[in-house]
Amino acid sequence: MVELTSLWLPIVLSAAAVFVVSSILHMVLTYHRSDYRKLPGEDKVLEAMRNEGVGPGNYHFPYAPSHKEMGSPEMVEKLKKGPVGLMNVMPAGPPAMGKYLALWFIFCLVISVFVAYVAGRTLKSADPYLTVFRLTGTVAFVGYGIGQIQDSIWKGQSWGATVRTLIDGLIYGLVTAGFFGWLWPR
């Protein structure tokens, strides 16, 4: 068993490395651009949403407040007629990139802490690089990637977007594993 406190350096450096790699993936490489499309009639739709007072939150449409009402003939007709969807509305104004980046870094730190916890409870300090790499990479990949699959299952996200996010998660997992393998106490 390896104490969590002795893993502070791989925790911090792997989180920082994932932060940098993710910035490169999203700013330099453009493979995530197809994850979203422009809404047809965007100006009219946005004006209608403003007029209706749609504020920040998560919306499902058409909306049924209960399972019983979901099966009503009126709701079934609305669902057949479409569109059917989920919508996430954020607060108005330019994106708060500083806040988002800070939260992303904190998330990276949290993933690295969980990786360290699992590895510290599972591995010994004498374990070789590849053993550390495999376990920490797997745990990091689960943290960064696997949870995204449910967005395609339940929220209608395209499977292409999910696969691209899984690729990101795999890269982040490999980066995390590299730092843990390299800095593992021996």
Protein backbone atom coordinates (compact mmCIF):
# COMPACT_ATOMS: atom_id res chain seq x y z
CA MET A 1 0.00 0.00 0.00
CA VAL A 2 1.21 3.50 -0.88
CA GLU A 3 0.05 6.48 1.14
CA LEU A 4 -1.99 9.09 -0.70
CA THR A 5 0.20 11.87 0.68
CA SER A 6 3.25 10.38 -1.06
CA LEU A 7 1.43 10.70 -4.40
CA TRP A 8 0.90 14.48 -4.35
CA LEU A 9 3.41 15.10 -7.13
CA PRO A 10 1.87 12.72 -9.71
CA ILE A 11 -1.59 14.00 -8.70
CA VAL A 12 -0.72 17.64 -9.39
CA LEU A 13 1.48 17.07 -12.45
CA SER A 14 -0.92 14.64 -14.13
CA ALA A 15 -3.82 17.06 -13.60
CA ALA A 16 -1.75 19.93 -15.01
CA ALA A 17 -0.66 17.81 -17.98
CA VAL A 18 -4.24 16.76 -18.76
CA PHE A 19 -5.28 20.43 -18.53
CA VAL A 20 -2.61 21.39 -21.09
CA VAL A 21 -3.33 18.41 -23.38
CA SER A 22 -7.07 19.12 -23.30
CA SER A 23 -6.40 22.74 -24.24
CA ILE A 24 -4.36 21.60 -27.22
CA LEU A 25 -6.99 19.06 -28.27
CA HIS A 26 -9.79 21.62 -28.18
CA MET A 27 -7.98 24.70 -29.50
CA VAL A 28 -5.60 23.25 -32.08
CA LEU A 29 -7.32 20.11 -33.29
CA THR A 30 -10.80 20.70 -34.65
CA TYR A 31 -12.40 17.28 -34.42
CA HIS A 32 -14.96 18.45 -31.82
CA ARG A 33 -16.46 21.13 -34.09
CA SER A 34 -19.00 18.67 -35.46
CA ASP A 35 -20.31 17.89 -31.95
CA TYR A 36 -22.80 20.78 -32.26
CA ARG A 37 -24.82 22.27 -35.08
CA LYS A 38 -26.50 25.62 -35.59
CA LEU A 39 -30.18 25.68 -34.77
CA PRO A 40 -32.28 26.34 -37.89
CA GLY A 41 -33.95 29.75 -37.61
CA GLU A 42 -31.69 30.53 -34.65
CA ASP A 43 -32.57 34.23 -34.42
CA LYS A 44 -36.32 33.54 -34.40
CA VAL A 45 -36.00 30.67 -31.92
CA LEU A 46 -33.85 32.75 -29.57
CA GLU A 47 -36.26 35.68 -29.76
CA ALA A 48 -39.18 33.35 -28.98
CA MET A 49 -37.27 31.88 -26.03
CA ARG A 50 -36.50 35.38 -24.70
CA ASN A 51 -40.16 36.38 -25.11
CA GLU A 52 -41.21 33.28 -23.16
CA GLY A 53 -38.71 34.01 -20.38
CA VAL A 54 -36.68 30.83 -20.81
CA GLY A 55 -33.94 31.07 -18.21
CA PRO A 56 -30.97 28.91 -17.26
CA GLY A 57 -31.83 25.28 -16.62
CA ASN A 58 -32.45 21.91 -18.18
CA TYR A 59 -35.56 21.45 -20.27
CA HIS A 60 -37.26 18.44 -21.84
CA PHE A 61 -39.72 18.92 -24.67
CA PRO A 62 -42.46 18.07 -25.03
CA TYR A 63 -42.73 17.88 -21.27
CA ALA A 64 -44.94 15.51 -19.31
CA PRO A 65 -44.91 15.89 -15.51
CA SER A 66 -45.65 12.18 -14.88
CA HIS A 67 -45.41 8.75 -16.51
CA LYS A 68 -49.19 8.61 -16.65
CA GLU A 69 -49.36 11.84 -18.66
CA MET A 70 -46.49 10.65 -20.87
CA GLY A 71 -48.83 7.97 -22.23
CA SER A 72 -51.80 10.27 -22.84
CA PRO A 73 -53.00 10.52 -26.45
CA GLU A 74 -52.17 14.23 -26.52
CA MET A 75 -48.58 13.64 -25.39
CA VAL A 76 -48.11 10.70 -27.74
CA GLU A 77 -49.24 12.94 -30.60
CA LYS A 78 -46.83 15.71 -29.54
CA LEU A 79 -44.00 13.15 -29.40
CA LYS A 80 -44.87 11.78 -32.84
CA LYS A 81 -45.10 15.28 -34.29
CA GLY A 82 -41.76 16.37 -32.78
CA PRO A 83 -39.33 17.82 -32.26
CA VAL A 84 -38.38 15.89 -29.12
CA GLY A 85 -35.36 16.95 -27.15
CA LEU A 86 -33.41 17.99 -24.14
CA MET A 87 -32.04 21.49 -23.88
CA ASN A 88 -29.50 22.97 -21.50
CA VAL A 89 -29.78 26.76 -21.22
CA MET A 90 -26.89 28.64 -19.67
CA PRO A 91 -26.94 32.13 -18.16
CA ALA A 92 -26.91 34.97 -20.68
CA GLY A 93 -23.60 36.65 -21.47
CA PRO A 94 -20.22 35.66 -22.81
CA PRO A 95 -18.86 32.32 -21.54
CA ALA A 96 -17.05 32.66 -18.22
CA MET A 97 -13.95 30.91 -19.55
CA GLY A 98 -11.84 31.67 -16.47
CA LYS A 99 -14.42 29.99 -14.26
CA TYR A 100 -14.85 27.04 -16.63
CA LEU A 101 -11.10 26.49 -16.92
CA ALA A 102 -10.67 26.68 -13.14
CA LEU A 103 -13.46 24.14 -12.65
CA TRP A 104 -11.94 21.89 -15.34
CA PHE A 105 -8.57 21.98 -13.55
CA ILE A 106 -10.25 21.15 -10.22
CA PHE A 107 -12.03 18.25 -11.97
CA CYS A 108 -8.67 17.02 -13.32
CA LEU A 109 -7.26 17.18 -9.77
CA VAL A 110 -10.24 15.22 -8.43
CA ILE A 111 -9.77 12.51 -11.07
CA SER A 112 -6.05 12.31 -10.20
CA VAL A 113 -6.84 12.04 -6.49
CA PHE A 114 -9.18 9.11 -7.17
CA VAL A 115 -6.55 7.52 -9.41
CA ALA A 116 -4.00 7.92 -6.61
CA TYR A 117 -6.39 6.51 -4.04
CA VAL A 118 -7.18 3.38 -6.06
CA ALA A 119 -3.54 2.88 -7.06
CA GLY A 120 -2.29 3.50 -3.54
CA ARG A 121 -4.65 0.89 -2.13
CA THR A 122 -3.99 -1.63 -4.91
CA LEU A 123 -0.31 -1.35 -5.79
CA LYS A 124 2.93 -1.59 -3.86
CA SER A 125 5.80 0.86 -4.03
CA ALA A 126 7.96 -1.82 -5.67
CA ASP A 127 5.55 -2.37 -8.57
CA PRO A 128 7.06 -1.74 -12.01
CA TYR A 129 6.20 1.17 -14.30
CA LEU A 130 3.95 -0.86 -16.62
CA THR A 131 1.87 -2.25 -13.73
CA VAL A 132 1.35 1.28 -12.37
CA PHE A 133 0.65 2.59 -15.89
CA ARG A 134 -2.03 -0.02 -16.63
CA LEU A 135 -3.97 0.45 -13.41
CA THR A 136 -3.78 4.24 -13.24
CA GLY A 137 -4.54 4.62 -16.95
CA THR A 138 -7.62 2.43 -16.63
CA VAL A 139 -8.95 4.32 -13.61
CA ALA A 140 -8.28 7.69 -15.25
CA PHE A 141 -9.98 6.58 -18.49
CA VAL A 142 -13.04 5.52 -16.51
CA GLY A 143 -13.08 8.92 -14.79
CA TYR A 144 -12.62 10.99 -17.93
CA GLY A 145 -14.45 8.94 -20.52
CA ILE A 146 -16.83 6.14 -19.65
CA GLY A 147 -19.42 8.37 -17.94
CA GLN A 148 -19.97 10.17 -21.24
CA ILE A 149 -21.62 7.12 -22.81
CA GLN A 150 -24.83 7.76 -20.89
CA ASP A 151 -25.29 11.05 -22.78
CA SER A 152 -25.81 9.07 -25.99
CA ILE A 153 -28.04 6.54 -24.24
CA TRP A 154 -30.31 8.95 -22.37
CA LYS A 155 -29.79 12.45 -23.75
CA GLY A 156 -29.67 11.94 -27.50
CA GLN A 157 -26.06 13.03 -27.94
CA SER A 158 -24.70 11.69 -31.20
CA TRP A 159 -22.59 8.57 -30.88
CA GLY A 160 -19.92 10.34 -32.93
CA ALA A 161 -19.59 13.05 -30.27
CA THR A 162 -19.43 10.38 -27.58
CA VAL A 163 -16.71 8.47 -29.43
CA ARG A 164 -14.68 11.69 -29.79
CA THR A 165 -15.08 12.33 -26.05
CA LEU A 166 -13.99 8.75 -25.34
CA ILE A 167 -10.88 9.34 -27.45
CA ASP A 168 -10.17 12.43 -25.33
CA GLY A 169 -10.70 10.36 -22.18
CA LEU A 170 -8.30 7.71 -23.46
CA ILE A 171 -5.64 10.35 -24.16
CA TYR A 172 -6.16 11.89 -20.71
CA GLY A 173 -5.94 8.43 -19.16
CA LEU A 174 -2.65 7.72 -20.95
CA VAL A 175 -1.21 11.08 -19.88
CA THR A 176 -2.26 10.46 -16.28
CA ALA A 177 -0.82 6.94 -16.37
CA GLY A 178 2.47 8.22 -17.73
CA PHE A 179 2.92 10.63 -14.85
CA PHE A 180 1.91 8.10 -12.21
CA GLY A 181 4.18 5.44 -13.69
CA TRP A 182 7.10 7.86 -13.90
CA LEU A 183 6.66 9.38 -10.42
CA TRP A 184 5.52 6.26 -8.57
CA PRO A 185 7.40 5.98 -5.26
CA ARG A 186 9.97 3.17 -5.43
